[in-house]
């Protein structure tokens, strides 16, 4: 679909006041009272994309595991905004056995895809 209208990408703007940024693992944000702002112009972020994180990571985070996800405190705040009693009170890192098992499962999955 083509349009004759010009398109302007605000995330590419040289003016920090215009940029909104939205990629959780690429853009640095500032947290002010559970609202993220871009660093340059302190413009509020209306959407944040977690495109390089798996849904399993978010499931673990919601169950209280300290997953390696940027801005996890903000995510949990809004995820449990309507049910704050369900929000994990403490994030616990996975133990060594769990880490090793997940790593082994990842290797086996890649191996299976390679031989298929």
N, C-alpha and C. Protein backbone atom coordinates (compact mmCIF):
# COMPACT_ATOMS: atom_id res chain seq x y z
N UNK A 1 0.85 -1.17 0.00
CA UNK A 1 0.00 0.00 0.00
C UNK A 1 0.89 1.24 0.00
N UNK A 2 0.67 2.07 -0.96
CA UNK A 2 1.46 3.29 -1.06
C UNK A 2 0.57 4.50 -0.84
N UNK A 3 1.18 5.51 -0.30
CA UNK A 3 0.46 6.74 -0.04
C UNK A 3 1.30 7.91 -0.55
N UNK A 4 0.63 8.93 -0.99
CA UNK A 4 1.33 10.12 -1.46
C UNK A 4 1.69 11.05 -0.30
N UNK A 5 1.21 10.72 0.89
CA UNK A 5 1.49 11.55 2.06
C UNK A 5 2.91 11.31 2.54
N UNK A 6 3.61 12.35 2.93
CA UNK A 6 4.96 12.16 3.48
C UNK A 6 4.87 11.51 4.86
N UNK A 7 5.83 10.67 5.17
CA UNK A 7 5.88 10.00 6.47
C UNK A 7 7.10 10.51 7.22
N UNK A 8 6.90 10.84 8.49
CA UNK A 8 8.00 11.33 9.31
C UNK A 8 8.16 10.39 10.50
N UNK A 9 9.35 9.88 10.69
CA UNK A 9 9.64 8.98 11.79
C UNK A 9 10.22 9.79 12.95
N UNK A 10 9.43 10.02 13.98
CA UNK A 10 9.86 10.84 15.11
C UNK A 10 11.02 10.20 15.88
N UNK A 11 11.15 8.88 15.83
CA UNK A 11 12.24 8.23 16.56
C UNK A 11 13.59 8.54 15.95
N UNK A 12 13.61 8.99 14.69
CA UNK A 12 14.86 9.32 14.01
C UNK A 12 15.18 10.82 14.07
N UNK A 13 14.35 11.59 14.70
CA UNK A 13 14.53 13.05 14.73
C UNK A 13 15.81 13.44 15.47
N UNK A 14 16.55 14.42 14.94
CA UNK A 14 17.73 14.91 15.66
C UNK A 14 17.35 15.72 16.90
N UNK A 15 16.10 16.15 16.98
CA UNK A 15 15.61 16.93 18.12
C UNK A 15 15.13 15.98 19.21
N UNK A 16 15.77 16.01 20.37
CA UNK A 16 15.40 15.15 21.47
C UNK A 16 13.97 15.32 21.95
N UNK A 17 13.39 16.50 21.72
CA UNK A 17 12.01 16.75 22.11
C UNK A 17 11.03 15.93 21.27
N UNK A 18 11.42 15.58 20.05
CA UNK A 18 10.55 14.81 19.15
C UNK A 18 10.63 13.31 19.41
N UNK A 19 11.81 12.82 19.75
CA UNK A 19 12.01 11.37 19.85
C UNK A 19 11.22 10.77 20.99
N UNK A 20 10.55 9.69 20.69
CA UNK A 20 9.81 8.99 21.73
C UNK A 20 10.44 7.65 22.04
N UNK A 21 11.22 7.08 21.09
CA UNK A 21 11.87 5.79 21.33
C UNK A 21 10.92 4.76 21.88
N UNK A 22 11.13 3.51 21.57
CA UNK A 22 10.19 2.55 22.09
C UNK A 22 10.74 1.14 22.21
N UNK A 23 11.99 0.91 21.96
CA UNK A 23 12.56 -0.43 22.04
C UNK A 23 13.23 -0.59 23.41
N UNK A 24 12.73 -1.52 24.20
CA UNK A 24 13.19 -1.67 25.58
C UNK A 24 14.65 -2.04 25.69
N UNK A 25 15.19 -2.74 24.70
CA UNK A 25 16.59 -3.16 24.83
C UNK A 25 17.56 -2.29 24.05
N UNK A 26 17.09 -1.18 23.50
CA UNK A 26 17.99 -0.34 22.72
C UNK A 26 18.02 1.10 23.22
N UNK A 27 16.89 1.64 23.59
CA UNK A 27 16.80 3.05 23.95
C UNK A 27 16.86 3.25 25.46
N UNK A 28 17.66 4.22 25.93
CA UNK A 28 17.70 4.50 27.36
C UNK A 28 16.52 5.39 27.77
N UNK A 29 15.84 5.02 28.82
CA UNK A 29 14.70 5.78 29.32
C UNK A 29 14.93 6.18 30.77
N UNK A 30 14.16 7.18 31.20
CA UNK A 30 14.20 7.65 32.58
C UNK A 30 12.86 7.34 33.21
N UNK A 31 12.87 6.76 34.40
CA UNK A 31 11.64 6.41 35.12
C UNK A 31 11.31 7.53 36.11
N UNK A 32 10.15 8.15 35.91
CA UNK A 32 9.66 9.17 36.84
C UNK A 32 8.26 8.76 37.27
N UNK A 33 8.11 8.33 38.51
CA UNK A 33 6.81 7.91 39.05
C UNK A 33 6.12 6.88 38.15
N UNK A 34 6.86 5.84 37.77
CA UNK A 34 6.35 4.73 36.94
C UNK A 34 5.90 5.17 35.55
N UNK A 35 6.46 6.24 35.05
CA UNK A 35 6.26 6.66 33.67
C UNK A 35 7.65 6.78 33.05
N UNK A 36 7.84 6.17 31.88
CA UNK A 36 9.12 6.25 31.20
C UNK A 36 9.17 7.47 30.29
N UNK A 37 10.32 8.12 30.30
CA UNK A 37 10.57 9.28 29.45
C UNK A 37 11.87 9.05 28.69
N UNK A 38 11.98 9.63 27.47
CA UNK A 38 13.26 9.54 26.78
C UNK A 38 14.26 10.42 27.52
N UNK A 39 15.54 10.07 27.43
CA UNK A 39 16.58 10.79 28.16
C UNK A 39 16.79 12.21 27.68
N UNK A 40 16.72 12.42 26.36
CA UNK A 40 17.11 13.70 25.80
C UNK A 40 16.11 14.82 26.11
N UNK A 41 14.84 14.62 25.82
CA UNK A 41 13.89 15.71 25.97
C UNK A 41 12.84 15.47 27.03
N UNK A 42 12.97 14.37 27.77
CA UNK A 42 11.98 13.98 28.77
C UNK A 42 10.56 14.00 28.20
N UNK A 43 10.41 13.37 27.05
CA UNK A 43 9.09 13.19 26.44
C UNK A 43 8.56 11.83 26.88
N UNK A 44 7.31 11.74 27.33
CA UNK A 44 6.79 10.46 27.81
C UNK A 44 6.72 9.41 26.71
N UNK A 45 7.00 8.17 27.10
CA UNK A 45 6.93 7.02 26.20
C UNK A 45 5.53 6.42 26.34
N UNK A 46 4.80 6.35 25.25
CA UNK A 46 3.43 5.84 25.30
C UNK A 46 3.36 4.34 25.05
N UNK A 47 4.35 3.80 24.34
CA UNK A 47 4.42 2.36 24.07
C UNK A 47 5.87 1.93 24.21
N UNK A 48 6.08 0.75 24.73
CA UNK A 48 7.42 0.19 24.79
C UNK A 48 7.35 -1.21 24.20
N UNK A 49 8.28 -1.51 23.32
CA UNK A 49 8.31 -2.82 22.66
C UNK A 49 9.37 -3.70 23.29
N UNK A 50 8.98 -4.90 23.62
CA UNK A 50 9.89 -5.89 24.17
C UNK A 50 10.11 -6.99 23.13
N UNK A 51 10.42 -6.60 21.89
CA UNK A 51 10.46 -7.54 20.78
C UNK A 51 11.57 -8.58 20.88
N UNK A 52 12.59 -8.36 21.61
CA UNK A 52 13.69 -9.33 21.70
C UNK A 52 13.64 -10.18 22.96
N UNK A 53 12.51 -10.17 23.63
CA UNK A 53 12.33 -10.99 24.82
C UNK A 53 11.26 -12.04 24.55
N UNK A 54 11.42 -13.21 25.15
CA UNK A 54 10.44 -14.28 24.93
C UNK A 54 9.27 -14.15 25.90
N UNK A 55 8.15 -14.71 25.50
CA UNK A 55 6.99 -14.70 26.38
C UNK A 55 7.27 -15.53 27.64
N UNK A 56 8.12 -16.54 27.51
CA UNK A 56 8.49 -17.35 28.69
C UNK A 56 9.20 -16.49 29.74
N UNK A 57 10.03 -15.54 29.30
CA UNK A 57 10.70 -14.63 30.24
C UNK A 57 9.68 -13.80 31.02
N UNK A 58 8.65 -13.32 30.32
CA UNK A 58 7.62 -12.53 30.99
C UNK A 58 6.78 -13.38 31.94
N UNK A 59 6.51 -14.62 31.55
CA UNK A 59 5.76 -15.53 32.42
C UNK A 59 6.55 -15.78 33.71
N UNK A 60 7.85 -16.00 33.57
CA UNK A 60 8.69 -16.22 34.75
C UNK A 60 8.75 -14.97 35.63
N UNK A 61 8.86 -13.80 34.99
CA UNK A 61 8.90 -12.54 35.74
C UNK A 61 7.62 -12.36 36.53
N UNK A 62 6.49 -12.63 35.92
CA UNK A 62 5.19 -12.48 36.60
C UNK A 62 5.02 -13.47 37.74
N UNK A 63 5.78 -14.57 37.70
CA UNK A 63 5.72 -15.55 38.77
C UNK A 63 6.75 -15.30 39.86
N UNK A 64 7.53 -14.21 39.71
CA UNK A 64 8.46 -13.83 40.76
C UNK A 64 9.91 -14.16 40.49
N UNK A 65 10.23 -14.62 39.28
CA UNK A 65 11.63 -14.91 38.95
C UNK A 65 12.28 -13.65 38.39
N UNK A 66 13.50 -13.41 38.80
CA UNK A 66 14.22 -12.23 38.34
C UNK A 66 14.75 -12.48 36.93
N UNK A 67 13.90 -12.24 35.93
CA UNK A 67 14.28 -12.43 34.53
C UNK A 67 15.10 -11.24 34.05
N UNK A 68 15.92 -11.49 33.06
CA UNK A 68 16.79 -10.44 32.52
C UNK A 68 16.01 -9.61 31.49
N UNK A 69 15.17 -8.72 31.98
CA UNK A 69 14.31 -7.87 31.16
C UNK A 69 14.51 -6.42 31.60
N UNK A 70 14.76 -5.55 30.64
CA UNK A 70 14.89 -4.12 30.97
C UNK A 70 13.55 -3.54 31.42
N UNK A 71 13.60 -2.64 32.36
CA UNK A 71 12.42 -1.93 32.86
C UNK A 71 11.37 -2.89 33.43
N UNK A 72 11.85 -3.96 34.06
CA UNK A 72 10.92 -4.97 34.61
C UNK A 72 10.04 -4.40 35.71
N UNK A 73 10.54 -3.45 36.49
CA UNK A 73 9.71 -2.86 37.54
C UNK A 73 8.53 -2.09 36.95
N UNK A 74 8.75 -1.39 35.85
CA UNK A 74 7.67 -0.67 35.17
C UNK A 74 6.67 -1.67 34.58
N UNK A 75 7.21 -2.72 33.94
CA UNK A 75 6.34 -3.74 33.36
C UNK A 75 5.43 -4.33 34.44
N UNK A 76 6.02 -4.73 35.57
CA UNK A 76 5.23 -5.34 36.64
C UNK A 76 4.22 -4.35 37.23
N UNK A 77 4.61 -3.10 37.33
CA UNK A 77 3.68 -2.10 37.86
C UNK A 77 2.40 -2.06 37.03
N UNK A 78 2.55 -1.95 35.71
CA UNK A 78 1.37 -1.86 34.85
C UNK A 78 0.69 -3.20 34.63
N UNK A 79 1.45 -4.29 34.65
CA UNK A 79 0.86 -5.62 34.47
C UNK A 79 -0.11 -5.94 35.61
N UNK A 80 0.25 -5.53 36.82
CA UNK A 80 -0.57 -5.83 37.99
C UNK A 80 -1.26 -4.58 38.55
N UNK A 81 -1.49 -3.59 37.70
CA UNK A 81 -2.10 -2.34 38.14
C UNK A 81 -3.49 -2.57 38.72
N UNK A 82 -4.28 -3.43 38.10
CA UNK A 82 -5.65 -3.67 38.58
C UNK A 82 -5.71 -4.75 39.66
N UNK A 83 -4.66 -5.55 39.79
CA UNK A 83 -4.60 -6.61 40.80
C UNK A 83 -3.25 -6.56 41.51
N UNK A 84 -2.97 -5.49 42.25
CA UNK A 84 -1.65 -5.36 42.86
C UNK A 84 -1.31 -6.46 43.87
N UNK A 85 -2.31 -7.12 44.41
CA UNK A 85 -2.05 -8.20 45.36
C UNK A 85 -1.41 -9.42 44.67
N UNK A 86 -1.53 -9.53 43.36
CA UNK A 86 -0.94 -10.64 42.62
C UNK A 86 0.50 -10.35 42.17
N UNK A 87 0.92 -9.11 42.31
CA UNK A 87 2.28 -8.72 41.89
C UNK A 87 3.30 -9.37 42.83
N UNK A 88 4.36 -9.95 42.27
CA UNK A 88 5.40 -10.54 43.12
C UNK A 88 6.01 -9.47 44.03
N UNK A 89 6.17 -9.80 45.29
CA UNK A 89 6.75 -8.85 46.23
C UNK A 89 8.27 -8.86 46.17
N UNK A 90 8.82 -9.97 45.70
CA UNK A 90 10.27 -10.10 45.63
C UNK A 90 10.62 -10.92 44.38
N UNK A 91 11.66 -10.50 43.69
CA UNK A 91 12.13 -11.26 42.52
C UNK A 91 13.34 -12.09 42.93
N UNK A 92 13.23 -13.40 42.68
CA UNK A 92 14.26 -14.34 43.07
C UNK A 92 15.00 -14.83 41.83
N UNK A 93 16.32 -14.76 41.83
CA UNK A 93 17.06 -15.24 40.65
C UNK A 93 16.94 -16.76 40.53
N UNK A 94 16.96 -17.29 39.30
CA UNK A 94 16.89 -18.74 39.12
C UNK A 94 18.15 -19.39 39.67
N UNK A 95 18.00 -20.62 40.19
CA UNK A 95 19.18 -21.31 40.72
C UNK A 95 20.03 -21.89 39.59
N UNK A 96 21.19 -22.36 39.91
CA UNK A 96 22.14 -22.85 38.91
C UNK A 96 21.59 -24.03 38.12
N UNK A 97 20.87 -24.92 38.78
CA UNK A 97 20.30 -26.08 38.09
C UNK A 97 19.27 -25.64 37.05
N UNK A 98 18.44 -24.69 37.39
CA UNK A 98 17.43 -24.18 36.46
C UNK A 98 18.10 -23.52 35.26
N UNK A 99 19.13 -22.73 35.51
CA UNK A 99 19.85 -22.09 34.41
C UNK A 99 20.47 -23.13 33.48
N UNK A 100 21.11 -24.15 34.07
CA UNK A 100 21.76 -25.19 33.27
C UNK A 100 20.73 -25.98 32.46
N UNK A 101 19.60 -26.29 33.06
CA UNK A 101 18.54 -27.03 32.36
C UNK A 101 18.02 -26.24 31.19
N UNK A 102 17.78 -24.96 31.36
CA UNK A 102 17.28 -24.11 30.27
C UNK A 102 18.32 -24.01 29.15
N UNK A 103 19.58 -23.89 29.52
CA UNK A 103 20.64 -23.81 28.52
C UNK A 103 20.69 -25.11 27.71
N UNK A 104 20.62 -26.23 28.39
CA UNK A 104 20.65 -27.53 27.73
C UNK A 104 19.43 -27.70 26.81
N UNK A 105 18.26 -27.27 27.27
CA UNK A 105 17.06 -27.35 26.43
C UNK A 105 17.21 -26.49 25.18
N UNK A 106 17.82 -25.33 25.31
CA UNK A 106 18.06 -24.47 24.15
C UNK A 106 19.00 -25.11 23.15
N UNK A 107 20.06 -25.72 23.64
CA UNK A 107 21.02 -26.39 22.77
C UNK A 107 20.36 -27.57 22.06
N UNK A 108 19.57 -28.35 22.81
CA UNK A 108 18.89 -29.50 22.21
C UNK A 108 17.88 -29.05 21.17
N UNK A 109 17.19 -27.96 21.41
CA UNK A 109 16.22 -27.44 20.45
C UNK A 109 16.91 -27.01 19.15
N UNK A 110 18.05 -26.35 19.27
CA UNK A 110 18.80 -25.95 18.08
C UNK A 110 19.32 -27.17 17.33
N UNK A 111 19.79 -28.15 18.07
CA UNK A 111 20.28 -29.39 17.45
C UNK A 111 19.17 -30.09 16.68
N UNK A 112 17.98 -30.18 17.27
CA UNK A 112 16.86 -30.84 16.62
C UNK A 112 16.45 -30.10 15.35
N UNK A 113 16.47 -28.78 15.41
CA UNK A 113 16.12 -27.99 14.21
C UNK A 113 17.16 -28.15 13.11
N UNK A 114 18.41 -28.34 13.51
CA UNK A 114 19.49 -28.47 12.54
C UNK A 114 19.40 -29.80 11.79
N UNK A 115 19.06 -30.88 12.49
CA UNK A 115 19.02 -32.20 11.85
C UNK A 115 17.69 -32.46 11.15
N UNK A 116 16.71 -31.64 11.37
CA UNK A 116 15.40 -31.86 10.72
C UNK A 116 15.38 -31.41 9.29
